[in-house]
Protein backbone atom coordinates (compact mmCIF):
# COMPACT_ATOMS: atom_id res chain seq x y z
CA MET A 1 76.82 134.96 -52.56
CA HIS A 2 79.15 137.58 -51.63
CA GLY A 3 82.80 136.37 -53.19
CA ILE A 4 81.28 133.65 -55.14
CA ASP A 5 81.97 134.00 -58.67
CA LEU A 6 81.37 131.62 -61.43
CA ASN A 7 84.86 130.47 -61.99
CA LEU A 8 84.97 129.17 -58.44
CA LEU A 9 82.24 127.03 -58.96
CA VAL A 10 83.59 125.41 -62.19
CA ALA A 11 86.67 125.01 -60.45
CA PHE A 12 84.58 123.13 -57.46
CA ASP A 13 83.19 121.13 -60.31
CA ALA A 14 86.59 119.98 -61.85
CA LEU A 15 87.76 119.20 -58.46
CA ASN A 16 84.83 117.00 -57.62
CA ALA A 17 85.33 114.95 -60.93
CA GLU A 18 89.04 114.53 -61.13
CA ARG A 19 89.91 114.52 -57.41
CA ASN A 20 93.45 115.67 -58.31
CA VAL A 21 94.61 119.53 -58.42
CA THR A 22 96.63 119.18 -61.58
CA ARG A 23 94.19 117.07 -63.46
CA ALA A 24 91.34 119.35 -62.43
CA GLY A 25 93.21 122.27 -63.76
CA LYS A 26 93.76 120.70 -67.10
CA ARG A 27 90.14 119.55 -67.44
CA VAL A 28 89.41 123.55 -67.21
CA GLY A 29 92.09 125.39 -68.59
CA ARG A 30 93.89 126.63 -65.48
CA THR A 31 97.44 125.75 -63.80
CA GLN A 32 97.90 123.85 -60.78
CA PRO A 33 98.71 126.95 -58.61
CA ALA A 34 95.32 128.72 -59.79
CA MET A 35 93.17 125.72 -59.16
CA SER A 36 94.89 125.61 -55.78
CA ALA A 37 93.77 129.30 -55.10
CA ALA A 38 90.66 128.61 -56.23
CA LEU A 39 90.27 125.49 -53.55
CA SER A 40 91.53 128.02 -50.93
CA ARG A 41 89.03 130.61 -51.80
CA LEU A 42 86.17 128.29 -51.55
CA ARG A 43 87.19 126.61 -48.27
CA VAL A 44 87.26 130.40 -46.84
CA LEU A 45 83.92 131.20 -48.23
CA LEU A 46 82.08 127.73 -47.61
CA ARG A 47 83.85 127.28 -44.30
CA ASP A 48 84.72 123.80 -45.10
CA ASP A 49 87.78 122.00 -46.32
CA LEU A 50 85.68 120.53 -49.15
CA PHE A 51 88.45 118.19 -50.20
CA ILE A 52 91.04 116.54 -48.11
CA ASN A 53 94.40 114.64 -49.61
CA GLY A 54 93.65 110.98 -49.33
CA PRO A 55 95.89 107.46 -50.53
CA GLY A 56 93.66 107.87 -53.71
CA GLY A 57 93.84 111.57 -54.40
CA LEU A 58 91.38 114.34 -53.02
CA GLN A 59 88.43 112.79 -51.02
CA PRO A 60 85.19 115.21 -50.85
CA THR A 61 84.05 116.07 -47.19
CA PRO A 62 80.05 115.50 -46.71
CA ARG A 63 79.68 119.22 -47.19
CA ALA A 64 81.23 119.08 -50.93
CA LEU A 65 79.26 115.90 -51.49
CA GLU A 66 76.01 117.95 -50.64
CA LEU A 67 77.13 120.61 -53.01
CA ALA A 68 78.44 118.44 -55.94
CA GLU A 69 75.32 117.63 -57.47
CA PRO A 70 73.25 120.88 -57.33
CA ILE A 71 76.58 123.02 -58.67
CA SER A 72 77.02 120.39 -61.43
CA LEU A 73 73.28 120.89 -62.39
CA ALA A 74 73.40 124.51 -62.26
CA LEU A 75 76.62 124.79 -64.57
CA GLY A 76 74.62 122.50 -67.00
CA ASP A 77 71.86 124.86 -66.77
CA ILE A 78 74.07 128.00 -67.33
CA GLN A 79 75.87 126.43 -70.18
CA ARG A 80 72.57 125.35 -72.12
CA THR A 81 71.49 128.77 -71.96
CA LEU A 82 74.50 130.40 -73.14
CA ALA A 83 74.72 127.84 -75.96
CA PHE A 84 70.96 128.57 -76.80
CA THR A 85 71.98 132.48 -77.25
CA ARG A 86 74.80 131.43 -79.34
CA ASP A 87 73.18 128.56 -81.85
CA PHE A 88 69.48 128.32 -82.23
CA ASP A 89 68.41 124.62 -83.20
CA PRO A 90 64.80 125.21 -84.51
CA SER A 91 64.23 121.59 -84.46
CA ALA A 92 64.42 121.65 -80.75
CA ALA A 93 63.15 125.13 -79.82
CA ALA A 94 60.08 125.63 -77.32
CA MET A 95 59.04 129.15 -78.02
CA THR A 96 56.75 131.86 -79.13
CA PHE A 97 57.55 134.44 -81.31
CA THR A 98 55.23 137.55 -81.45
CA LEU A 99 54.77 139.02 -85.12
CA GLY A 100 53.08 142.64 -85.61
CA LEU A 101 51.25 142.50 -88.94
CA SER A 102 49.02 144.78 -91.00
CA GLY A 103 45.94 143.59 -92.12
CA HIS A 104 46.82 142.74 -95.52
CA ALA A 105 50.32 141.19 -94.32
CA GLU A 106 48.38 138.88 -91.93
CA SER A 107 46.57 137.44 -94.85
CA VAL A 108 49.49 137.02 -97.18
CA VAL A 109 52.53 136.14 -94.76
CA LEU A 110 50.94 134.18 -92.19
CA PRO A 111 49.86 131.12 -94.19
CA ARG A 112 53.49 130.78 -96.00
CA LEU A 113 55.22 131.45 -92.45
CA VAL A 114 52.98 128.86 -90.74
CA SER A 115 53.97 126.27 -93.56
CA ILE A 116 57.70 127.10 -92.96
CA VAL A 117 57.65 127.11 -89.20
CA SER A 118 55.45 124.00 -88.55
CA ARG A 119 58.04 121.79 -90.70
CA ARG A 120 61.30 123.24 -89.47
CA ALA A 121 60.31 123.97 -85.86
CA PRO A 122 57.30 122.03 -84.28
CA GLY A 123 57.67 123.57 -80.84
CA VAL A 124 57.80 127.37 -81.99
CA ASN A 125 54.49 128.93 -81.70
CA LEU A 126 53.53 132.23 -83.44
CA LYS A 127 51.41 135.18 -81.73
CA VAL A 128 50.02 137.75 -84.31
CA VAL A 129 49.45 141.27 -83.17
CA GLY A 130 47.41 143.62 -85.44
CA TYR A 131 48.47 147.31 -85.80
CA ALA A 132 46.81 150.40 -87.77
CA ASP A 133 49.86 152.42 -89.03
CA ARG A 134 53.53 152.96 -89.24
CA GLU A 135 53.80 154.84 -86.02
CA ASP A 136 52.15 151.84 -84.28
CA ALA A 137 54.79 149.48 -85.67
CA VAL A 138 57.58 151.57 -84.25
CA ARG A 139 55.76 151.82 -80.86
CA LEU A 140 55.24 148.06 -80.71
CA LEU A 141 59.02 147.44 -81.63
CA ASP A 142 60.33 150.04 -78.99
CA ALA A 143 58.38 148.52 -76.26
CA GLY A 144 59.19 144.88 -77.17
CA ASP A 145 55.80 144.00 -77.51
CA VAL A 146 56.47 142.19 -80.77
CA ASP A 147 59.56 140.66 -82.03
CA MET A 148 59.40 141.71 -85.76
CA THR A 149 56.39 143.84 -88.07
CA VAL A 150 55.49 143.10 -91.54
CA GLY A 151 53.89 146.19 -93.29
CA ALA A 152 54.18 149.74 -95.06
CA PRO A 153 57.59 151.10 -94.38
CA PRO A 154 58.06 152.56 -91.00
CA PRO A 155 59.31 156.17 -90.34
CA GLN A 156 62.94 155.94 -90.35
CA THR A 157 64.92 155.63 -87.36
CA GLY A 158 68.60 154.67 -86.31
CA ARG A 159 67.19 151.72 -84.01
CA ILE A 160 64.59 150.24 -86.55
CA LEU A 161 66.26 148.05 -89.29
CA SER A 162 63.59 147.18 -92.25
CA ALA A 163 64.20 145.09 -95.51
CA ARG A 164 61.80 144.64 -98.42
CA LEU A 165 59.78 141.54 -98.10
CA PHE A 166 57.58 141.58 -100.99
CA GLN A 167 55.68 144.16 -102.81
CA GLU A 168 51.84 144.51 -104.44
CA PRO A 169 51.29 145.33 -107.76
CA LEU A 170 48.19 148.20 -108.06
CA VAL A 171 45.36 147.80 -110.59
CA CYS A 172 41.69 149.29 -111.13
CA ILE A 173 38.87 147.42 -110.65
CA LEU A 174 35.60 147.78 -112.12
CA ARG A 175 32.46 145.43 -112.43
CA LYS A 176 32.89 143.45 -115.53
CA ASP A 177 29.65 144.78 -117.30
CA HIS A 178 30.66 148.25 -116.78
CA PRO A 179 30.74 150.31 -120.05
CA ALA A 180 34.55 151.17 -119.25
CA ALA A 181 35.54 147.62 -118.61
CA ALA A 182 36.70 146.59 -121.93
CA GLY A 183 39.54 149.17 -121.42
CA PRO A 184 41.92 150.42 -121.88
CA LEU A 185 41.27 153.09 -119.12
CA ASP A 186 42.63 156.44 -120.10
CA ALA A 187 42.71 159.54 -117.74
CA GLU A 188 39.20 161.23 -119.15
CA THR A 189 37.53 157.87 -118.19
CA PHE A 190 39.35 157.36 -115.15
CA LEU A 191 38.71 160.75 -113.66
CA SER A 192 34.90 160.66 -114.90
CA LEU A 193 34.09 158.02 -112.21
CA ALA A 194 33.13 157.83 -108.67
CA HIS A 195 35.65 156.49 -106.61
CA VAL A 196 35.93 153.98 -103.75
CA VAL A 197 39.37 155.03 -101.87
CA ALA A 198 40.57 152.69 -99.12
CA SER A 199 42.09 155.21 -96.60
CA PRO A 200 42.80 153.71 -93.07
CA HIS A 201 42.34 157.17 -91.40
CA ASN A 202 39.49 158.23 -93.50
CA GLU A 203 41.27 161.25 -94.81
CA GLY A 204 40.00 160.51 -98.45
CA ILE A 205 43.60 159.67 -99.78
CA ASP A 206 45.02 155.95 -100.82
CA VAL A 207 47.86 154.91 -102.84
CA ALA A 208 47.11 156.23 -106.06
CA ASP A 209 47.16 159.96 -104.85
CA ALA A 210 50.58 160.82 -105.05
CA ALA A 211 50.47 159.76 -108.81
CA LEU A 212 47.41 161.74 -109.25
CA ALA A 213 48.83 164.84 -107.58
CA SER A 214 51.96 164.84 -109.89
CA LYS A 215 49.74 165.61 -112.83
CA GLY A 216 47.26 168.00 -111.15
CA TRP A 217 44.37 165.59 -111.30
CA THR A 218 41.62 165.57 -108.96
CA ARG A 219 38.73 162.77 -108.63
CA ARG A 220 35.46 162.41 -106.98
CA VAL A 221 35.97 160.35 -103.84
CA ALA A 222 32.40 158.80 -103.38
CA VAL A 223 32.86 156.33 -100.61
CA THR A 224 36.11 156.08 -98.35
CA VAL A 225 36.59 152.89 -96.49
CA PRO A 226 39.24 151.74 -93.69
CA ASN A 227 40.29 148.73 -95.69
CA MET A 228 40.95 147.88 -99.21
CA ALA A 229 39.17 144.58 -98.58
CA ALA A 230 35.88 146.15 -98.72
CA ALA A 231 36.51 147.80 -102.01
CA PRO A 232 35.88 144.67 -104.45
CA GLN A 233 32.36 144.08 -103.13
CA LEU A 234 31.43 147.65 -103.49
CA VAL A 235 32.74 148.09 -107.14
CA ALA A 236 31.04 144.81 -108.07
CA GLY A 237 27.64 146.19 -107.24
CA SER A 238 28.02 149.76 -108.50
CA ASP A 239 29.24 152.01 -111.32
CA MET A 240 32.07 152.94 -109.03
CA ILE A 241 35.97 152.32 -109.64
CA ALA A 242 38.72 151.74 -107.01
CA THR A 243 42.44 151.35 -106.96
CA VAL A 244 43.44 148.29 -105.22
CA MET A 245 46.35 145.71 -104.73
CA ARG A 246 45.88 142.92 -107.35
CA SER A 247 45.90 140.01 -104.93
CA VAL A 248 43.16 141.86 -102.82
CA ALA A 249 40.72 142.20 -105.53
CA ALA A 250 41.93 138.56 -107.03
CA GLY A 251 41.34 136.89 -103.72
CA SER A 252 37.99 138.31 -103.11
CA ALA A 253 34.87 136.58 -103.22
CA GLN A 254 33.87 139.09 -106.21
CA ALA A 255 36.88 138.50 -108.18
CA ASP A 256 34.81 136.78 -111.12
CA ARG A 257 32.37 139.74 -110.98
CA LEU A 258 35.63 142.09 -111.68
CA ALA A 259 37.29 143.58 -114.57
CA PHE A 260 40.98 144.44 -113.83
CA LEU A 261 42.54 147.46 -115.66
CA ASP A 262 45.83 149.25 -115.76
CA PHE A 263 46.20 152.39 -113.67
CA PRO A 264 46.13 155.28 -116.44
CA LEU A 265 49.43 156.52 -115.09
CA PRO A 266 52.96 154.37 -114.19
CA LEU A 267 52.73 153.44 -110.34
CA ASN A 268 54.88 152.09 -108.31
CA PRO A 269 53.77 148.50 -106.54
CA VAL A 270 52.90 148.88 -102.80
CA PRO A 271 56.03 147.83 -100.96
CA PHE A 272 55.74 145.49 -97.71
CA LEU A 273 58.66 145.74 -95.06
CA LEU A 274 59.91 143.48 -92.47
CA SER A 275 61.24 145.64 -89.66
CA TRP A 276 62.84 144.57 -86.28
CA HIS A 277 64.49 146.51 -83.65
CA ARG A 278 68.39 147.16 -83.65
CA ARG A 279 68.96 145.25 -80.21
CA ASN A 280 67.24 142.15 -81.71
CA ASP A 281 69.23 142.30 -84.74
CA ALA A 282 71.97 139.48 -83.64
CA HIS A 283 69.71 137.37 -81.60
CA PRO A 284 70.08 133.79 -83.10
CA ALA A 285 66.65 132.80 -82.79
CA GLN A 286 64.96 136.22 -84.53
CA ARG A 287 67.79 135.73 -87.20
CA TRP A 288 66.10 132.57 -88.11
CA LEU A 289 62.76 133.50 -88.14
CA ARG A 290 63.75 136.35 -90.35
CA ARG A 291 65.54 134.09 -92.66
CA CYS A 292 62.07 131.99 -92.70
CA LEU A 293 60.31 135.02 -93.94
CA ARG A 294 63.41 135.89 -96.33
CA GLY A 295 63.03 132.20 -97.87
CA ALA A 296 58.97 132.59 -98.24
CA TYR A 297 60.09 135.62 -100.54
CA PRO A 298 63.23 134.96 -102.50
CA HIS A 299 62.81 136.97 -105.56
CA VAL A 300 61.58 140.31 -103.63
CA TRP A 301 64.06 140.24 -100.81
CA ILE A 302 66.01 143.39 -100.46
CA ALA A 303 68.63 143.52 -97.79
CA PRO A 304 68.41 146.27 -94.91
CA GLN A 305 70.15 149.48 -95.76
CA GLN A 306 70.75 150.18 -92.48
CA VAL A 307 73.06 147.51 -91.41
CA CYS A 308 76.75 147.52 -92.32
CA ALA A 309 78.14 145.86 -95.25
CA ASP A 310 80.09 143.09 -93.17
CA LEU A 311 76.72 142.40 -91.02
CA ARG A 312 74.73 141.89 -93.93
CA GLU A 313 76.96 139.48 -95.46
CA GLN A 314 77.02 137.53 -91.92
CA TYR A 315 73.20 137.84 -91.26
CA TYR A 316 71.78 137.46 -94.92
């Protein structure tokens, strides 16, 4: 391969197709002297005349005929590869995306995304990798083990881009026949109850603690579970209370046994962010999948803050 560059192979392919130096030059946008120089280099490198002047134009040697088809096929493969990385056609694509999804995001995001992808890109497959916390999300993205993640906001780094995909409102749940279930739920009643707390690292802290801390309030944590999905069943069969995302309680098997009450303080919804590595920001296939996710949540989408304004307009 020493001394061979792609332009020489393009010139060879054009000469073989046109059998004329001038016409071959026009075919690839090069002058007649440039094409003649390319042919001279090819003859030296391949140790063959390749094309001989004849009454009907240039005539290929046996060596040129041997090379013609493989070179043409190779150039076609290169052209298709470069076109794929420039323009992504989902209807013709055959590839797999790997998504990092937190537990709740998996149950919420995957059904919508599968519905969209199966209609628009029947040859595209999705692989899901679970992760536990924000640091895990960054680690997976840095390592290239996933194409993008959906979950709680990852730690801010210049290399990870994020956009809010959807958000979940929080509610307090009690069993329906609990004396406090008629509501409204005041601070005194809330603090007097035993609490089920969903804490991934079992430290007894959940999504409500920042609001409680702002008032200096403390509560009794009776049960700590690693996943919010366990709370509805525990509450439905006890006198305990839990603060969970509304969709978790509403989608549980215990939903009809629960009362839904407002938290006694203003409480921001839980944001779920779509995050991806900066190195994948401009990749056409990944841009397409991010647009699919955006389309699944059109009323919540907030564009990435770390993307320049001009790129934001181009990509989103």
